[in-house]
Amino acid sequence: QVQLVESGGGLVQAGGSLRLSCAASGSIFSMNDMGWYRQAPGKQRDMVARISRDGRTDYADSVKGRFSISRDNAKNTMSLQMNSLKPEDTAVYYCYVRVVRQLNEYPYWGQGTQVTVSS
Protein backbone atom coordinates (compact mmCIF):
# COMPACT_ATOMS: atom_id res chain seq x y z
CA GLN A 1 0.00 0.00 0.00
CA VAL A 2 1.18 3.51 -0.85
CA GLN A 3 0.24 6.75 0.85
CA LEU A 4 0.81 10.27 -0.43
CA VAL A 5 1.05 13.13 2.05
CA GLU A 6 0.62 16.65 0.68
CA SER A 7 1.53 19.90 2.38
CA GLY A 8 2.03 23.57 1.64
CA GLY A 9 -1.44 24.69 0.61
CA GLY A 10 -3.09 27.74 2.08
CA LEU A 11 -4.17 31.32 1.51
CA VAL A 12 -2.08 33.82 -0.39
CA GLN A 13 -2.63 37.18 -2.07
CA ALA A 14 -2.31 37.59 -5.81
CA GLY A 15 1.33 37.87 -6.80
CA GLY A 16 2.48 35.78 -3.87
CA SER A 17 4.11 32.37 -3.75
CA LEU A 18 3.46 28.94 -2.30
CA ARG A 19 5.40 25.70 -2.34
CA LEU A 20 3.53 22.40 -2.37
CA SER A 21 5.19 19.16 -1.32
CA CYS A 22 4.22 15.52 -1.71
CA ALA A 23 5.84 12.61 0.11
CA ALA A 24 5.20 8.99 -0.85
CA SER A 25 5.57 6.11 1.58
CA GLY A 26 4.73 2.43 1.75
CA SER A 27 5.41 -0.41 -0.64
CA ILE A 28 7.47 1.38 -3.27
CA PHE A 29 10.19 0.01 -5.48
CA SER A 30 10.50 3.18 -7.50
CA MET A 31 8.37 6.00 -8.87
CA ASN A 32 7.88 6.71 -12.53
CA ASP A 33 5.87 9.72 -13.71
CA MET A 34 4.72 12.18 -11.05
CA GLY A 35 2.68 15.33 -11.28
CA TRP A 36 0.32 17.89 -9.85
CA TYR A 37 -3.29 18.25 -10.92
CA ARG A 38 -5.86 20.80 -9.82
CA GLN A 39 -9.62 21.03 -9.76
CA ALA A 40 -11.73 24.12 -9.16
CA PRO A 41 -15.43 23.88 -8.21
CA GLY A 42 -17.54 22.95 -11.21
CA LYS A 43 -14.52 22.25 -13.40
CA GLN A 44 -12.61 19.17 -14.49
CA ARG A 45 -9.35 18.04 -12.94
CA ASP A 46 -6.50 19.27 -15.13
CA MET A 47 -2.79 18.62 -15.26
CA VAL A 48 -0.72 21.47 -13.88
CA ALA A 49 2.79 20.06 -14.08
CA ARG A 50 4.37 16.65 -14.47
CA ILE A 51 7.85 15.22 -14.27
CA SER A 52 9.29 11.91 -15.44
CA ARG A 53 11.72 9.74 -13.52
CA ASP A 54 14.66 11.20 -15.43
CA GLY A 55 13.55 14.78 -14.83
CA ARG A 56 11.71 15.72 -18.02
CA THR A 57 8.98 18.26 -17.25
CA ASP A 58 5.77 19.46 -18.80
CA TYR A 59 3.51 22.35 -17.77
CA ALA A 60 0.05 23.58 -18.54
CA ASP A 61 0.17 26.72 -20.68
CA SER A 62 -1.55 28.71 -17.94
CA VAL A 63 1.31 28.17 -15.47
CA LYS A 64 4.39 28.21 -17.70
CA GLY A 65 6.99 30.61 -16.41
CA ARG A 66 5.35 30.78 -12.98
CA PHE A 67 5.38 27.21 -11.63
CA SER A 68 8.31 24.83 -11.30
CA ILE A 69 8.10 21.11 -10.50
CA SER A 70 10.90 19.02 -9.02
CA ARG A 71 11.44 15.58 -7.51
CA ASP A 72 13.86 13.70 -5.28
CA ASN A 73 13.89 10.04 -6.24
CA ALA A 74 15.99 9.03 -3.24
CA LYS A 75 13.45 10.52 -0.82
CA ASN A 76 10.30 9.71 -2.83
CA THR A 77 9.22 13.34 -2.71
CA MET A 78 7.99 15.93 -5.17
CA SER A 79 7.49 19.69 -4.96
CA LEU A 80 5.71 22.42 -6.87
CA GLN A 81 6.99 25.96 -6.51
CA MET A 82 4.23 28.40 -7.43
CA ASN A 83 5.15 32.04 -8.03
CA SER A 84 3.17 35.06 -9.24
CA LEU A 85 -0.05 33.39 -8.19
CA LYS A 86 -3.32 34.54 -9.70
CA PRO A 87 -6.91 34.21 -8.44
CA GLU A 88 -7.58 31.73 -11.25
CA ASP A 89 -5.00 29.41 -9.67
CA THR A 90 -7.44 28.82 -6.82
CA ALA A 91 -8.25 25.10 -6.68
CA VAL A 92 -7.65 21.87 -4.85
CA TYR A 93 -4.25 20.55 -5.87
CA TYR A 94 -3.65 16.81 -6.04
CA CYS A 95 -0.39 14.90 -6.01
CA TYR A 96 -0.24 12.07 -8.56
CA VAL A 97 2.37 9.32 -8.57
CA ARG A 98 2.86 6.18 -10.64
CA VAL A 99 4.55 3.58 -8.46
CA VAL A 100 6.50 0.56 -9.66
CA ARG A 101 5.82 -2.58 -7.62
CA GLN A 102 6.19 -6.25 -8.59
CA LEU A 103 7.29 -5.15 -12.06
CA ASN A 104 3.96 -3.38 -12.57
CA GLU A 105 2.96 0.27 -12.47
CA TYR A 106 0.16 1.56 -10.23
CA PRO A 107 -1.37 5.05 -10.03
CA TYR A 108 -1.90 6.82 -6.71
CA TRP A 109 -3.54 10.11 -5.78
CA GLY A 110 -3.10 12.30 -2.75
CA GLN A 111 -6.04 13.62 -0.75
CA GLY A 112 -5.64 17.12 -2.15
CA THR A 113 -4.63 20.44 -0.61
CA GLN A 114 -6.53 23.70 -0.98
CA VAL A 115 -4.82 26.67 -2.59
CA THR A 116 -6.71 29.96 -2.44
CA VAL A 117 -5.43 33.12 -4.11
CA SER A 118 -7.18 36.34 -3.18
CA SER A 119 -7.23 39.55 -5.18
C-alpha atoms as a PDB file:
ATOM      1  CA  GLN A   1       0.000   0.000   0.000  1.00  0.00           C
ATOM      2  CA  VAL A   2       1.177   3.507  -0.849  1.00  0.00           C
ATOM      3  CA  GLN A   3       0.242   6.747   0.851  1.00  0.00           C
ATOM      4  CA  LEU A   4       0.809  10.273  -0.431  1.00  0.00           C
ATOM      5  CA  VAL A   5       1.051  13.133   2.047  1.00  0.00           C
ATOM      6  CA  GLU A   6       0.622  16.652   0.681  1.00  0.00           C
ATOM      7  CA  SER A   7       1.532  19.896   2.384  1.00  0.00           C
ATOM      8  CA  GLY A   8       2.034  23.572   1.644  1.00  0.00           C
ATOM      9  CA  GLY A   9      -1.435  24.688   0.615  1.00  0.00           C
ATOM     10  CA  GLY A  10      -3.090  27.742   2.081  1.00  0.00           C
ATOM     11  CA  LEU A  11      -4.172  31.316   1.511  1.00  0.00           C
ATOM     12  CA  VAL A  12      -2.077  33.823  -0.391  1.00  0.00           C
ATOM     13  CA  GLN A  13      -2.626  37.178  -2.070  1.00  0.00           C
ATOM     14  CA  ALA A  14      -2.312  37.594  -5.814  1.00  0.00           C
ATOM     15  CA  GLY A  15       1.329  37.872  -6.803  1.00  0.00           C
ATOM     16  CA  GLY A  16       2.478  35.784  -3.872  1.00  0.00           C
ATOM     17  CA  SER A  17       4.111  32.370  -3.749  1.00  0.00           C
ATOM     18  CA  LEU A  18       3.461  28.939  -2.296  1.00  0.00           C
ATOM     19  CA  ARG A  19       5.397  25.700  -2.343  1.00  0.00           C
ATOM     20  CA  LEU A  20       3.533  22.396  -2.367  1.00  0.00           C
ATOM     21  CA  SER A  21       5.190  19.160  -1.324  1.00  0.00           C
ATOM     22  CA  CYS A  22       4.219  15.521  -1.709  1.00  0.00           C
ATOM     23  CA  ALA A  23       5.843  12.608   0.113  1.00  0.00           C
ATOM     24  CA  ALA A  24       5.201   8.994  -0.848  1.00  0.00           C
ATOM     25  CA  SER A  25       5.571   6.115   1.582  1.00  0.00           C
ATOM     26  CA  GLY A  26       4.732   2.434   1.746  1.00  0.00           C
ATOM     27  CA  SER A  27       5.411  -0.406  -0.643  1.00  0.00           C
ATOM     28  CA  ILE A  28       7.474   1.385  -3.274  1.00  0.00           C
ATOM     29  CA  PHE A  29      10.193   0.008  -5.481  1.00  0.00           C
ATOM     30  CA  SER A  30      10.495   3.182  -7.501  1.00  0.00           C
ATOM     31  CA  MET A  31       8.372   5.998  -8.870  1.00  0.00           C
ATOM     32  CA  ASN A  32       7.878   6.708 -12.535  1.00  0.00           C
ATOM     33  CA  ASP A  33       5.870   9.719 -13.708  1.00  0.00           C
ATOM     34  CA  MET A  34       4.722  12.176 -11.050  1.00  0.00           C
ATOM     35  CA  GLY A  35       2.682  15.329 -11.276  1.00  0.00           C
ATOM     36  CA  TRP A  36       0.325  17.890  -9.848  1.00  0.00           C
ATOM     37  CA  TYR A  37      -3.285  18.255 -10.918  1.00  0.00           C
ATOM     38  CA  ARG A  38      -5.862  20.799  -9.815  1.00  0.00           C
ATOM     39  CA  GLN A  39      -9.624  21.034  -9.762  1.00  0.00           C
ATOM     40  CA  ALA A  40     -11.734  24.116  -9.157  1.00  0.00           C
ATOM     41  CA  PRO A  41     -15.432  23.883  -8.207  1.00  0.00           C
ATOM     42  CA  GLY A  42     -17.545  22.946 -11.210  1.00  0.00           C
ATOM     43  CA  LYS A  43     -14.525  22.246 -13.402  1.00  0.00           C
ATOM     44  CA  GLN A  44     -12.613  19.170 -14.489  1.00  0.00           C
ATOM     45  CA  ARG A  45      -9.352  18.036 -12.944  1.00  0.00           C
ATOM     46  CA  ASP A  46      -6.502  19.272 -15.132  1.00  0.00           C
ATOM     47  CA  MET A  47      -2.794  18.620 -15.261  1.00  0.00           C
ATOM     48  CA  VAL A  48      -0.722  21.473 -13.882  1.00  0.00           C
ATOM     49  CA  ALA A  49       2.788  20.062 -14.076  1.00  0.00           C
ATOM     50  CA  ARG A  50       4.368  16.648 -14.469  1.00  0.00           C
ATOM     51  CA  ILE A  51       7.853  15.219 -14.274  1.00  0.00           C
ATOM     52  CA  SER A  52       9.289  11.909 -15.439  1.00  0.00           C
ATOM     53  CA  ARG A  53      11.724   9.738 -13.517  1.00  0.00           C
ATOM     54  CA  ASP A  54      14.659  11.196 -15.426  1.00  0.00           C
ATOM     55  CA  GLY A  55      13.547  14.779 -14.834  1.00  0.00           C
ATOM     56  CA  ARG A  56      11.707  15.721 -18.020  1.00  0.00           C
ATOM     57  CA  THR A  57       8.985  18.264 -17.247  1.00  0.00           C
ATOM     58  CA  ASP A  58       5.770  19.459 -18.804  1.00  0.00           C
ATOM     59  CA  TYR A  59       3.514  22.348 -17.772  1.00  0.00           C
ATOM     60  CA  ALA A  60       0.051  23.582 -18.541  1.00  0.00           C
ATOM     61  CA  ASP A  61       0.166  26.720 -20.677  1.00  0.00           C
ATOM     62  CA  SER A  62      -1.546  28.713 -17.938  1.00  0.00           C
ATOM     63  CA  VAL A  63       1.315  28.167 -15.466  1.00  0.00           C
ATOM     64  CA  LYS A  64       4.391  28.210 -17.700  1.00  0.00           C
ATOM     65  CA  GLY A  65       6.994  30.609 -16.406  1.00  0.00           C
ATOM     66  CA  ARG A  66       5.348  30.779 -12.976  1.00  0.00           C
ATOM     67  CA  PHE A  67       5.384  27.212 -11.628  1.00  0.00           C
ATOM     68  CA  SER A  68       8.311  24.827 -11.299  1.00  0.00           C
ATOM     69  CA  ILE A  69       8.097  21.106 -10.504  1.00  0.00           C
ATOM     70  CA  SER A  70      10.904  19.023  -9.017  1.00  0.00           C
ATOM     71  CA  ARG A  71      11.435  15.575  -7.507  1.00  0.00           C
ATOM     72  CA  ASP A  72      13.857  13.701  -5.281  1.00  0.00           C
ATOM     73  CA  ASN A  73      13.889  10.038  -6.243  1.00  0.00           C
ATOM     74  CA  ALA A  74      15.990   9.027  -3.237  1.00  0.00           C
ATOM     75  CA  LYS A  75      13.452  10.518  -0.820  1.00  0.00           C
ATOM     76  CA  ASN A  76      10.297   9.713  -2.825  1.00  0.00           C
ATOM     77  CA  THR A  77       9.221  13.342  -2.712  1.00  0.00           C
ATOM     78  CA  MET A  78       7.986  15.927  -5.170  1.00  0.00           C
ATOM     79  CA  SER A  79       7.487  19.685  -4.956  1.00  0.00           C
ATOM     80  CA  LEU A  80       5.706  22.417  -6.873  1.00  0.00           C
ATOM     81  CA  GLN A  81       6.990  25.959  -6.512  1.00  0.00           C
ATOM     82  CA  MET A  82       4.227  28.402  -7.435  1.00  0.00           C
ATOM     83  CA  ASN A  83       5.145  32.039  -8.034  1.00  0.00           C
ATOM     84  CA  SER A  84       3.170  35.060  -9.242  1.00  0.00           C
ATOM     85  CA  LEU A  85      -0.048  33.394  -8.186  1.00  0.00           C
ATOM     86  CA  LYS A  86      -3.325  34.539  -9.705  1.00  0.00           C
ATOM     87  CA  PRO A  87      -6.911  34.206  -8.442  1.00  0.00           C
ATOM     88  CA  GLU A  88      -7.582  31.728 -11.253  1.00  0.00           C
ATOM     89  CA  ASP A  89      -4.997  29.408  -9.673  1.00  0.00           C
ATOM     90  CA  THR A  90      -7.442  28.815  -6.819  1.00  0.00           C
ATOM     91  CA  ALA A  91      -8.250  25.100  -6.682  1.00  0.00           C
ATOM     92  CA  VAL A  92      -7.650  21.867  -4.848  1.00  0.00           C
ATOM     93  CA  TYR A  93      -4.251  20.554  -5.866  1.00  0.00           C
ATOM     94  CA  TYR A  94      -3.654  16.814  -6.041  1.00  0.00           C
ATOM     95  CA  CYS A  95      -0.392  14.900  -6.013  1.00  0.00           C
ATOM     96  CA  TYR A  96      -0.243  12.065  -8.558  1.00  0.00           C
ATOM     97  CA  VAL A  97       2.375   9.318  -8.572  1.00  0.00           C
ATOM     98  CA  ARG A  98       2.857   6.181 -10.641  1.00  0.00           C
ATOM     99  CA  VAL A  99       4.553   3.581  -8.455  1.00  0.00           C
ATOM    100  CA  VAL A 100       6.503   0.558  -9.663  1.00  0.00           C
ATOM    101  CA  ARG A 101       5.822  -2.578  -7.621  1.00  0.00           C
ATOM    102  CA  GLN A 102       6.195  -6.251  -8.595  1.00  0.00           C
ATOM    103  CA  LEU A 103       7.287  -5.147 -12.062  1.00  0.00           C
ATOM    104  CA  ASN A 104       3.957  -3.381 -12.574  1.00  0.00           C
ATOM    105  CA  GLU A 105       2.964   0.271 -12.473  1.00  0.00           C
ATOM    106  CA  TYR A 106       0.161   1.558 -10.230  1.00  0.00           C
ATOM    107  CA  PRO A 107      -1.366   5.054 -10.028  1.00  0.00           C
ATOM    108  CA  TYR A 108      -1.903   6.820  -6.707  1.00  0.00           C
ATOM    109  CA  TRP A 109      -3.544  10.107  -5.783  1.00  0.00           C
ATOM    110  CA  GLY A 110      -3.102  12.302  -2.751  1.00  0.00           C
ATOM    111  CA  GLN A 111      -6.042  13.625  -0.748  1.00  0.00           C
ATOM    112  CA  GLY A 112      -5.640  17.122  -2.152  1.00  0.00           C
ATOM    113  CA  THR A 113      -4.633  20.435  -0.614  1.00  0.00           C
ATOM    114  CA  GLN A 114      -6.528  23.701  -0.978  1.00  0.00           C
ATOM    115  CA  VAL A 115      -4.821  26.672  -2.595  1.00  0.00           C
ATOM    116  CA  THR A 116      -6.712  29.957  -2.437  1.00  0.00           C
ATOM    117  CA  VAL A 117      -5.426  33.115  -4.112  1.00  0.00           C
ATOM    118  CA  SER A 118      -7.181  36.339  -3.181  1.00  0.00           C
ATOM    119  CA  SER A 119      -7.226  39.555  -5.178  1.00  0.00           C
END
